[in-house]
Amino acid sequence: MIRIGSFPDTVNEYAARTVAGLVVILSLAAIITQSLWLVGALFYGFSARVLYGPKFSLFAKLAIHGIVPLLGLGSKIVAGPPKRFAQLVGAIFSGTAFALLYFGQVFAFQAVLGVLVLFASLESILGFCAGCFVFGFLIKWGWIPEEVCEKCNNLQFVVKK
């Protein structure tokens, strides 16, 4: 995967799920209002997280430093590369939605963001990361470099309360 910025090798699962919940809220607001600004903010957030992890993402900062500690969710460490891939998929969906709305294709825009809401909801509520699931197949098929695969396989998953 392209090495731009500094995406962390590990991610707090609870923070990722919280960010997904915030994505659901912003996506639903964008669908309802059909606001280019909101879709642009959504695209920016995904792009920032793909390129630099939580460093420039308002949702990530809010989740890591606000919501997760406030709710006392603790820390469940998971591999970062699959989460980065999931953020890339989100950037593609939100960028596509932005372009569709910009060109007046409202139904297609709503459909694309609706799919994003579905998958962000699955992660937020059930802890199922569809992008991570696909990432696993990409490793299995040899489309992901071996060193990334080794990072995922050698992580010790720890739950802290």
C-alpha atoms as a PDB file:
ATOM      1  CA  MET A   1       0.000   0.000   0.000  1.00  0.00           C
ATOM      2  CA  ILE A   2       1.233   3.533  -0.693  1.00  0.00           C
ATOM      3  CA  ARG A   3       3.165   4.894   2.299  1.00  0.00           C
ATOM      4  CA  ILE A   4       1.960   8.493   2.632  1.00  0.00           C
ATOM      5  CA  GLY A   5       1.847  10.117   6.016  1.00  0.00           C
ATOM      6  CA  SER A   6       1.899   7.887   9.025  1.00  0.00           C
ATOM      7  CA  PHE A   7      -1.017   5.515   9.510  1.00  0.00           C
ATOM      8  CA  PRO A   8      -0.589   3.590  12.771  1.00  0.00           C
ATOM      9  CA  ASP A   9       0.302  -0.114  12.710  1.00  0.00           C
ATOM     10  CA  THR A  10      -2.352  -0.688  15.376  1.00  0.00           C
ATOM     11  CA  VAL A  11      -5.747   0.892  15.973  1.00  0.00           C
ATOM     12  CA  ASN A  12      -8.124   0.953  18.918  1.00  0.00           C
ATOM     13  CA  GLU A  13     -11.161  -0.995  17.685  1.00  0.00           C
ATOM     14  CA  TYR A  14     -13.501   1.036  19.900  1.00  0.00           C
ATOM     15  CA  ALA A  15     -12.254   4.299  18.391  1.00  0.00           C
ATOM     16  CA  ALA A  16     -12.683   2.893  14.874  1.00  0.00           C
ATOM     17  CA  ARG A  17     -16.244   1.824  15.668  1.00  0.00           C
ATOM     18  CA  THR A  18     -16.969   5.249  17.128  1.00  0.00           C
ATOM     19  CA  VAL A  19     -15.651   6.948  13.993  1.00  0.00           C
ATOM     20  CA  ALA A  20     -17.895   4.650  11.944  1.00  0.00           C
ATOM     21  CA  GLY A  21     -20.875   5.789  14.026  1.00  0.00           C
ATOM     22  CA  LEU A  22     -20.008   9.427  13.364  1.00  0.00           C
ATOM     23  CA  VAL A  23     -19.702   8.602   9.648  1.00  0.00           C
ATOM     24  CA  VAL A  24     -23.220   7.146   9.742  1.00  0.00           C
ATOM     25  CA  ILE A  25     -24.584  10.346  11.290  1.00  0.00           C
ATOM     26  CA  LEU A  26     -22.799  12.635   8.827  1.00  0.00           C
ATOM     27  CA  SER A  27     -23.764  10.442   5.855  1.00  0.00           C
ATOM     28  CA  LEU A  28     -27.431  10.423   6.836  1.00  0.00           C
ATOM     29  CA  ALA A  29     -27.355  14.200   7.270  1.00  0.00           C
ATOM     30  CA  ALA A  30     -25.776  14.516   3.811  1.00  0.00           C
ATOM     31  CA  ILE A  31     -28.412  12.241   2.245  1.00  0.00           C
ATOM     32  CA  ILE A  32     -31.241  14.219   3.829  1.00  0.00           C
ATOM     33  CA  THR A  33     -29.875  17.706   3.091  1.00  0.00           C
ATOM     34  CA  GLN A  34     -28.113  16.870  -0.196  1.00  0.00           C
ATOM     35  CA  SER A  35     -25.336  19.205   0.942  1.00  0.00           C
ATOM     36  CA  LEU A  36     -22.099  19.183  -1.049  1.00  0.00           C
ATOM     37  CA  TRP A  37     -20.386  20.648   2.015  1.00  0.00           C
ATOM     38  CA  LEU A  38     -21.332  17.683   4.181  1.00  0.00           C
ATOM     39  CA  VAL A  39     -20.297  15.164   1.522  1.00  0.00           C
ATOM     40  CA  GLY A  40     -17.061  17.113   1.070  1.00  0.00           C
ATOM     41  CA  ALA A  41     -16.444  16.916   4.827  1.00  0.00           C
ATOM     42  CA  LEU A  42     -17.100  13.181   4.703  1.00  0.00           C
ATOM     43  CA  PHE A  43     -14.625  12.754   1.834  1.00  0.00           C
ATOM     44  CA  TYR A  44     -12.043  14.905   3.609  1.00  0.00           C
ATOM     45  CA  GLY A  45     -12.345  12.785   6.774  1.00  0.00           C
ATOM     46  CA  PHE A  46     -11.806   9.519   4.938  1.00  0.00           C
ATOM     47  CA  SER A  47      -8.925  10.967   2.915  1.00  0.00           C
ATOM     48  CA  ALA A  48      -7.246  12.381   6.021  1.00  0.00           C
ATOM     49  CA  ARG A  49      -7.500   9.028   7.797  1.00  0.00           C
ATOM     50  CA  VAL A  50      -6.144   7.121   4.782  1.00  0.00           C
ATOM     51  CA  LEU A  51      -3.181   9.444   4.379  1.00  0.00           C
ATOM     52  CA  TYR A  52      -2.338  10.277   7.995  1.00  0.00           C
ATOM     53  CA  GLY A  53      -4.410   8.141  10.360  1.00  0.00           C
ATOM     54  CA  PRO A  54      -6.108  10.154  13.090  1.00  0.00           C
ATOM     55  CA  LYS A  55      -3.715  13.130  12.895  1.00  0.00           C
ATOM     56  CA  PHE A  56      -5.930  15.400  10.744  1.00  0.00           C
ATOM     57  CA  SER A  57      -9.338  13.753  11.231  1.00  0.00           C
ATOM     58  CA  LEU A  58     -11.820  15.572  13.453  1.00  0.00           C
ATOM     59  CA  PHE A  59     -13.882  12.387  13.883  1.00  0.00           C
ATOM     60  CA  ALA A  60     -10.816  10.360  14.885  1.00  0.00           C
ATOM     61  CA  LYS A  61      -9.692  13.011  17.382  1.00  0.00           C
ATOM     62  CA  LEU A  62     -13.207  13.230  18.826  1.00  0.00           C
ATOM     63  CA  ALA A  63     -13.421   9.441  19.123  1.00  0.00           C
ATOM     64  CA  ILE A  64      -9.932   8.900  20.587  1.00  0.00           C
ATOM     65  CA  HIS A  65      -9.812  11.847  22.981  1.00  0.00           C
ATOM     66  CA  GLY A  66     -13.492  12.400  23.728  1.00  0.00           C
ATOM     67  CA  ILE A  67     -16.105   9.719  23.160  1.00  0.00           C
ATOM     68  CA  VAL A  68     -14.122   6.530  23.911  1.00  0.00           C
ATOM     69  CA  PRO A  69     -12.703   7.833  27.241  1.00  0.00           C
ATOM     70  CA  LEU A  70     -16.030   9.452  28.178  1.00  0.00           C
ATOM     71  CA  LEU A  71     -17.869   6.152  27.704  1.00  0.00           C
ATOM     72  CA  GLY A  72     -15.033   4.198  29.355  1.00  0.00           C
ATOM     73  CA  LEU A  73     -14.728   1.820  26.418  1.00  0.00           C
ATOM     74  CA  GLY A  74     -11.055   1.064  27.009  1.00  0.00           C
ATOM     75  CA  SER A  75      -8.795  -0.248  24.305  1.00  0.00           C
ATOM     76  CA  LYS A  76      -8.954  -3.243  22.012  1.00  0.00           C
ATOM     77  CA  ILE A  77      -5.942  -3.206  19.713  1.00  0.00           C
ATOM     78  CA  VAL A  78      -6.355  -4.430  16.127  1.00  0.00           C
ATOM     79  CA  ALA A  79      -4.158  -4.267  13.037  1.00  0.00           C
ATOM     80  CA  GLY A  80      -3.976  -0.891  11.318  1.00  0.00           C
ATOM     81  CA  PRO A  81      -3.496  -1.870   7.644  1.00  0.00           C
ATOM     82  CA  PRO A  82      -6.974  -3.426   7.219  1.00  0.00           C
ATOM     83  CA  LYS A  83      -8.535  -0.343   8.814  1.00  0.00           C
ATOM     84  CA  ARG A  84      -6.543   1.877   6.450  1.00  0.00           C
ATOM     85  CA  PHE A  85      -7.865  -0.132   3.513  1.00  0.00           C
ATOM     86  CA  ALA A  86     -11.415   0.299   4.855  1.00  0.00           C
ATOM     87  CA  GLN A  87     -10.832   4.070   5.048  1.00  0.00           C
ATOM     88  CA  LEU A  88      -9.669   4.007   1.407  1.00  0.00           C
ATOM     89  CA  VAL A  89     -12.914   2.279   0.409  1.00  0.00           C
ATOM     90  CA  GLY A  90     -14.829   4.954   2.342  1.00  0.00           C
ATOM     91  CA  ALA A  91     -12.882   7.677   0.525  1.00  0.00           C
ATOM     92  CA  ILE A  92     -13.806   6.106  -2.816  1.00  0.00           C
ATOM     93  CA  PHE A  93     -17.492   5.902  -1.883  1.00  0.00           C
ATOM     94  CA  SER A  94     -17.666   9.424  -0.445  1.00  0.00           C
ATOM     95  CA  GLY A  95     -15.693  10.878  -3.378  1.00  0.00           C
ATOM     96  CA  THR A  96     -18.026   9.137  -5.804  1.00  0.00           C
ATOM     97  CA  ALA A  97     -21.041  10.453  -3.876  1.00  0.00           C
ATOM     98  CA  PHE A  98     -19.596  13.977  -4.023  1.00  0.00           C
ATOM     99  CA  ALA A  99     -19.131  13.778  -7.800  1.00  0.00           C
ATOM    100  CA  LEU A 100     -22.615  12.342  -8.322  1.00  0.00           C
ATOM    101  CA  LEU A 101     -24.242  15.074  -6.245  1.00  0.00           C
ATOM    102  CA  TYR A 102     -22.154  17.758  -7.943  1.00  0.00           C
ATOM    103  CA  PHE A 103     -23.414  16.582 -11.340  1.00  0.00           C
ATOM    104  CA  GLY A 104     -27.030  16.422 -10.163  1.00  0.00           C
ATOM    105  CA  GLN A 105     -27.377  12.634  -9.988  1.00  0.00           C
ATOM    106  CA  VAL A 106     -29.290  12.746  -6.703  1.00  0.00           C
ATOM    107  CA  PHE A 107     -30.667   9.193  -6.698  1.00  0.00           C
ATOM    108  CA  ALA A 108     -27.256   7.689  -7.500  1.00  0.00           C
ATOM    109  CA  PHE A 109     -25.665   9.912  -4.833  1.00  0.00           C
ATOM    110  CA  GLN A 110     -28.198   8.688  -2.268  1.00  0.00           C
ATOM    111  CA  ALA A 111     -27.650   5.058  -3.289  1.00  0.00           C
ATOM    112  CA  VAL A 112     -23.862   5.300  -2.966  1.00  0.00           C
ATOM    113  CA  LEU A 113     -24.045   7.022   0.417  1.00  0.00           C
ATOM    114  CA  GLY A 114     -26.743   4.534   1.460  1.00  0.00           C
ATOM    115  CA  VAL A 115     -24.272   1.696   0.866  1.00  0.00           C
ATOM    116  CA  LEU A 116     -21.680   3.610   2.905  1.00  0.00           C
ATOM    117  CA  VAL A 117     -24.233   4.031   5.728  1.00  0.00           C
ATOM    118  CA  LEU A 118     -24.957   0.294   5.637  1.00  0.00           C
ATOM    119  CA  PHE A 119     -21.315  -0.740   5.970  1.00  0.00           C
ATOM    120  CA  ALA A 120     -20.418   1.971   8.490  1.00  0.00           C
ATOM    121  CA  SER A 121     -23.427   0.850  10.552  1.00  0.00           C
ATOM    122  CA  LEU A 122     -22.227  -2.763  10.446  1.00  0.00           C
ATOM    123  CA  GLU A 123     -18.864  -1.681  11.818  1.00  0.00           C
ATOM    124  CA  SER A 124     -20.231   0.719  14.385  1.00  0.00           C
ATOM    125  CA  ILE A 125     -22.996  -1.501  15.766  1.00  0.00           C
ATOM    126  CA  LEU A 126     -21.793  -5.062  15.168  1.00  0.00           C
ATOM    127  CA  GLY A 127     -18.033  -4.599  14.878  1.00  0.00           C
ATOM    128  CA  PHE A 128     -17.998  -6.089  11.367  1.00  0.00           C
ATOM    129  CA  CYS A 129     -15.554  -4.196   9.139  1.00  0.00           C
ATOM    130  CA  ALA A 130     -16.386  -5.103   5.540  1.00  0.00           C
ATOM    131  CA  GLY A 131     -13.213  -3.410   4.268  1.00  0.00           C
ATOM    132  CA  CYS A 132     -11.163  -5.483   6.714  1.00  0.00           C
ATOM    133  CA  PHE A 133     -12.973  -8.609   5.526  1.00  0.00           C
ATOM    134  CA  VAL A 134     -12.062  -7.827   1.895  1.00  0.00           C
ATOM    135  CA  PHE A 135      -8.502  -6.978   3.000  1.00  0.00           C
ATOM    136  CA  GLY A 136      -8.215 -10.512   4.395  1.00  0.00           C
ATOM    137  CA  PHE A 137      -9.087 -11.956   0.981  1.00  0.00           C
ATOM    138  CA  LEU A 138      -6.579  -9.649  -0.712  1.00  0.00           C
ATOM    139  CA  ILE A 139      -3.882 -11.061   1.583  1.00  0.00           C
ATOM    140  CA  LYS A 140      -5.054 -14.609   0.893  1.00  0.00           C
ATOM    141  CA  TRP A 141      -4.916 -14.013  -2.892  1.00  0.00           C
ATOM    142  CA  GLY A 142      -1.439 -12.469  -2.642  1.00  0.00           C
ATOM    143  CA  TRP A 143      -2.519  -8.973  -3.697  1.00  0.00           C
ATOM    144  CA  ILE A 144      -1.213  -7.443  -0.461  1.00  0.00           C
ATOM    145  CA  PRO A 145       2.597  -7.478   0.055  1.00  0.00           C
ATOM    146  CA  GLU A 146       3.945 -10.122   2.429  1.00  0.00           C
ATOM    147  CA  GLU A 147       5.374  -7.554   4.887  1.00  0.00           C
ATOM    148  CA  VAL A 148       1.895  -6.084   5.430  1.00  0.00           C
ATOM    149  CA  CYS A 149       0.535  -9.595   5.927  1.00  0.00           C
ATOM    150  CA  GLU A 150       3.246 -10.300   8.516  1.00  0.00           C
ATOM    151  CA  LYS A 151       2.326  -7.125  10.447  1.00  0.00           C
ATOM    152  CA  CYS A 152      -1.249  -8.381  10.689  1.00  0.00           C
ATOM    153  CA  ASN A 153      -0.276 -11.926  11.638  1.00  0.00           C
ATOM    154  CA  ASN A 154       2.274 -10.943  14.303  1.00  0.00           C
ATOM    155  CA  LEU A 155       0.106  -8.534  16.270  1.00  0.00           C
ATOM    156  CA  GLN A 156      -0.798  -9.472  19.783  1.00  0.00           C
ATOM    157  CA  PHE A 157      -4.418  -8.532  20.312  1.00  0.00           C
ATOM    158  CA  VAL A 158      -4.913  -7.149  23.794  1.00  0.00           C
ATOM    159  CA  VAL A 159      -8.067  -6.002  25.524  1.00  0.00           C
ATOM    160  CA  LYS A 160      -7.627  -3.345  28.216  1.00  0.00           C
ATOM    161  CA  LYS A 161     -10.441  -2.114  30.405  1.00  0.00           C
END
